[in-house]
Amino acid sequence: MSDNGIGGAVVTERSGGWPPPWEPRPVRERDSAGRSALRDAMARFGTGITVLTTGGENPHGMTANAFSSVSLEPPMVLCCVARTAEMHEAIVSSRCFAVNVLGGRQERLARHFADRRRPRGPAQFEGIDRWPGKHTGAPLFADSLARLECRLVEVHDGGDHSIFLGEVLEADWSSETEALLFLGGGFHRLGWGGR
């Protein structure tokens, strides 16, 4: 082991040095092999699951795991949405969105809003316990771990996605103590002590 001089971090070198004991796969290739390598690598990164929603006359929802907190002051989050997704235009036109952080018992909602065959407009929310956000009008789901209402403040280019930066207008959370995660191409539940 050696100190690499970066903040006292310790780096462990394996005997034999470089190359690593696995076969790296290039992801910059423009063909499907490069996309597949990135998809396979990212499948090893566990994420929480959200459903993004927009309100108005034609409300829309979409399952998303490309979501993150950005800043506490001002309170900001980001989500990434494919430019070809219906949600992309819904966020751009409404200039606001809501984030429903799903709990362990909400896998059905995650699958529903990921299904391209589901109904569109208000019909996609039928039978779901929800209420409209007071700032955005976007559907907020009961039993979600957390709910955020956001005002769109910036849009950044992210390749085939846009990165939407939202100022959090209001946040609340439930007493649920089981999260829904996505890892290895499947849904998993993770319990915690709550707060």
Protein backbone atom coordinates (compact mmCIF):
# COMPACT_ATOMS: atom_id res chain seq x y z
CA MET A 1 0.00 0.00 0.00
CA SER A 2 1.15 3.54 -0.65
CA ASP A 3 0.01 7.07 0.12
CA ASN A 4 -0.83 8.69 -3.19
CA GLY A 5 -0.57 12.19 -1.75
CA ILE A 6 -4.24 13.01 -2.31
CA GLY A 7 -5.72 13.83 1.06
CA GLY A 8 -3.93 10.93 2.72
CA ALA A 9 -5.88 8.39 0.68
CA VAL A 10 -4.33 4.96 0.58
CA VAL A 11 -4.15 3.10 -2.70
CA THR A 12 -3.68 -0.64 -2.80
CA GLU A 13 -1.76 -1.87 -5.81
CA ARG A 14 -2.22 -5.44 -6.87
CA SER A 15 0.90 -7.37 -7.66
CA GLY A 16 1.54 -7.36 -11.35
CA GLY A 17 0.43 -3.72 -11.80
CA TRP A 18 -1.46 -2.79 -14.91
CA PRO A 19 -3.55 -4.07 -16.69
CA PRO A 20 -6.30 -4.94 -14.26
CA PRO A 21 -7.32 -8.60 -13.79
CA TRP A 22 -10.49 -8.09 -15.84
CA GLU A 23 -10.97 -7.19 -19.46
CA PRO A 24 -12.01 -3.52 -19.80
CA ARG A 25 -14.69 -2.85 -22.39
CA PRO A 26 -14.64 0.43 -24.30
CA VAL A 27 -17.85 2.43 -24.00
CA ARG A 28 -17.05 5.19 -26.50
CA GLU A 29 -17.89 2.95 -29.42
CA ARG A 30 -20.88 4.17 -31.43
CA ASP A 31 -22.24 0.68 -31.92
CA SER A 32 -24.48 -1.35 -29.67
CA ALA A 33 -21.49 -3.06 -28.00
CA GLY A 34 -20.44 0.26 -26.41
CA ARG A 35 -23.98 1.00 -25.22
CA SER A 36 -24.29 -2.53 -23.90
CA ALA A 37 -21.02 -2.23 -21.94
CA LEU A 38 -22.19 0.99 -20.29
CA ARG A 39 -25.61 -0.51 -19.52
CA ASP A 40 -23.99 -3.60 -17.98
CA ALA A 41 -21.59 -1.51 -15.90
CA MET A 42 -24.36 0.80 -14.64
CA ALA A 43 -26.52 -2.21 -13.68
CA ARG A 44 -24.06 -2.70 -10.84
CA PHE A 45 -24.91 0.74 -9.41
CA GLY A 46 -27.96 0.53 -7.15
CA THR A 47 -30.35 3.48 -7.31
CA GLY A 48 -33.55 4.60 -5.72
CA ILE A 49 -36.67 4.68 -7.89
CA THR A 50 -38.81 7.73 -8.53
CA VAL A 51 -41.85 8.56 -10.58
CA LEU A 52 -41.63 12.02 -12.11
CA THR A 53 -45.00 13.69 -12.68
CA THR A 54 -46.36 16.81 -14.32
CA GLY A 55 -49.82 18.28 -13.85
CA GLY A 56 -52.23 20.36 -15.87
CA GLU A 57 -54.93 19.25 -18.29
CA ASN A 58 -52.74 16.46 -19.64
CA PRO A 59 -50.81 15.11 -16.61
CA HIS A 60 -48.00 12.66 -17.20
CA GLY A 61 -45.86 10.27 -15.16
CA MET A 62 -42.61 8.42 -15.84
CA THR A 63 -40.48 6.03 -13.80
CA ALA A 64 -36.94 7.38 -13.42
CA ASN A 65 -33.81 6.45 -11.53
CA ALA A 66 -31.57 9.19 -12.95
CA PHE A 67 -32.31 11.56 -10.06
CA SER A 68 -30.11 13.27 -7.49
CA SER A 69 -29.94 15.97 -4.88
CA VAL A 70 -27.77 18.88 -6.07
CA SER A 71 -27.80 21.64 -3.45
CA LEU A 72 -29.25 22.48 -0.05
CA GLU A 73 -28.92 26.25 -0.52
CA PRO A 74 -30.82 26.89 -2.65
CA PRO A 75 -32.60 23.53 -2.47
CA MET A 76 -32.14 21.87 -5.86
CA VAL A 77 -32.43 18.43 -7.45
CA LEU A 78 -31.81 17.09 -10.93
CA CYS A 79 -33.40 14.46 -13.09
CA CYS A 80 -32.36 13.21 -16.51
CA VAL A 81 -34.96 12.47 -19.17
CA ALA A 82 -34.50 11.13 -22.71
CA ARG A 83 -35.20 13.76 -25.34
CA THR A 84 -37.56 11.29 -27.07
CA ALA A 85 -39.64 10.66 -23.92
CA GLU A 86 -43.07 12.22 -23.59
CA MET A 87 -41.98 13.45 -20.13
CA HIS A 88 -39.31 15.61 -21.74
CA GLU A 89 -41.86 17.82 -23.49
CA ALA A 90 -44.16 17.72 -20.46
CA ILE A 91 -41.46 19.21 -18.18
CA VAL A 92 -40.29 21.74 -20.78
CA SER A 93 -43.82 23.01 -21.43
CA SER A 94 -45.04 23.07 -17.82
CA ARG A 95 -41.72 24.44 -16.41
CA CYS A 96 -42.29 22.36 -13.25
CA PHE A 97 -42.42 18.76 -12.08
CA ALA A 98 -42.85 16.57 -9.01
CA VAL A 99 -40.69 13.71 -7.79
CA ASN A 100 -42.25 10.76 -5.95
CA VAL A 101 -39.52 8.70 -4.23
CA LEU A 102 -41.00 5.19 -4.18
CA GLY A 103 -41.21 2.95 -1.14
CA GLY A 104 -40.73 -0.81 -1.06
CA ARG A 105 -44.43 -1.52 -1.52
CA GLN A 106 -44.69 0.61 -4.68
CA GLU A 107 -43.04 -1.66 -7.25
CA ARG A 108 -46.40 -1.84 -9.07
CA LEU A 109 -46.25 1.95 -9.59
CA ALA A 110 -42.67 1.75 -10.86
CA ARG A 111 -43.66 -0.90 -13.40
CA HIS A 112 -46.86 0.93 -14.39
CA PHE A 113 -45.12 4.22 -15.20
CA ALA A 114 -42.32 2.41 -17.05
CA ASP A 115 -44.82 0.62 -19.31
CA ARG A 116 -45.13 2.39 -22.67
CA ARG A 117 -48.51 0.69 -23.23
CA ARG A 118 -50.20 2.36 -20.24
CA PRO A 119 -52.98 4.90 -20.90
CA ARG A 120 -52.01 8.52 -21.47
CA GLY A 121 -53.26 11.67 -19.77
CA PRO A 122 -55.36 11.50 -16.59
CA ALA A 123 -56.26 7.83 -17.24
CA GLN A 124 -52.72 6.70 -16.34
CA PHE A 125 -53.34 7.87 -12.74
CA GLU A 126 -56.69 6.10 -12.24
CA GLY A 127 -56.81 3.92 -9.14
CA ILE A 128 -53.67 5.51 -7.63
CA ASP A 129 -53.97 7.19 -4.22
CA ARG A 130 -52.69 10.68 -4.98
CA TRP A 131 -53.33 14.41 -4.72
CA PRO A 132 -52.25 17.42 -6.81
CA GLY A 133 -49.26 19.37 -5.53
CA LYS A 134 -50.19 22.84 -4.35
CA HIS A 135 -47.29 24.47 -6.25
CA THR A 136 -47.20 22.44 -9.45
CA GLY A 137 -50.51 20.59 -9.69
CA ALA A 138 -48.43 17.48 -10.41
CA PRO A 139 -49.68 14.22 -8.88
CA LEU A 140 -48.11 13.32 -5.52
CA PHE A 141 -48.46 9.68 -4.45
CA ALA A 142 -49.56 8.53 -1.02
CA ASP A 143 -47.18 6.09 0.68
CA SER A 144 -44.14 7.35 -1.22
CA LEU A 145 -41.01 7.73 0.90
CA ALA A 146 -40.77 11.39 -0.12
CA ARG A 147 -42.46 13.87 -2.44
CA LEU A 148 -40.86 16.97 -3.95
CA GLU A 149 -42.41 19.75 -5.98
CA CYS A 150 -39.95 21.54 -8.24
CA ARG A 151 -39.76 24.59 -10.48
CA LEU A 152 -37.61 24.07 -13.57
CA VAL A 153 -34.66 26.49 -13.39
CA GLU A 154 -32.15 25.13 -15.92
CA VAL A 155 -31.89 22.58 -18.72
CA HIS A 156 -28.50 21.15 -19.71
CA ASP A 157 -27.46 18.98 -22.64
CA GLY A 158 -26.72 15.41 -21.61
CA GLY A 159 -26.23 13.60 -24.91
CA ASP A 160 -29.48 11.84 -25.79
CA HIS A 161 -30.97 13.12 -22.49
CA SER A 162 -31.63 16.53 -20.99
CA ILE A 163 -30.57 17.27 -17.44
CA PHE A 164 -33.38 19.15 -15.72
CA LEU A 165 -32.37 21.20 -12.69
CA GLY A 166 -35.27 21.94 -10.38
CA GLU A 167 -35.59 24.27 -7.42
CA VAL A 168 -37.44 22.41 -4.67
CA LEU A 169 -40.54 24.41 -3.71
CA GLU A 170 -41.80 21.94 -1.13
CA ALA A 171 -40.74 18.56 0.23
CA ASP A 172 -42.47 16.12 2.52
CA TRP A 173 -41.95 12.52 3.50
CA SER A 174 -43.79 9.60 5.02
CA SER A 175 -43.05 7.28 7.90
CA GLU A 176 -42.44 4.37 5.51
CA THR A 177 -39.20 2.55 6.32
CA GLU A 178 -38.65 0.45 3.20
CA ALA A 179 -37.15 1.81 0.00
CA LEU A 180 -37.52 0.49 -3.54
CA LEU A 181 -34.18 0.08 -5.31
CA PHE A 182 -33.10 -0.92 -8.80
CA LEU A 183 -29.97 -3.06 -9.06
CA GLY A 184 -28.80 -5.71 -11.51
CA GLY A 185 -31.77 -5.14 -13.80
CA GLY A 186 -34.36 -5.80 -11.09
CA PHE A 187 -36.29 -4.26 -8.22
CA HIS A 188 -35.24 -4.83 -4.61
CA ARG A 189 -36.48 -3.67 -1.22
CA LEU A 190 -34.27 -2.21 1.47
CA GLY A 191 -35.54 -1.60 4.98
CA TRP A 192 -34.07 0.99 7.33
CA GLY A 193 -34.79 2.35 10.79
CA GLY A 194 -36.45 5.54 9.62
CA ARG A 195 -36.20 8.93 11.20
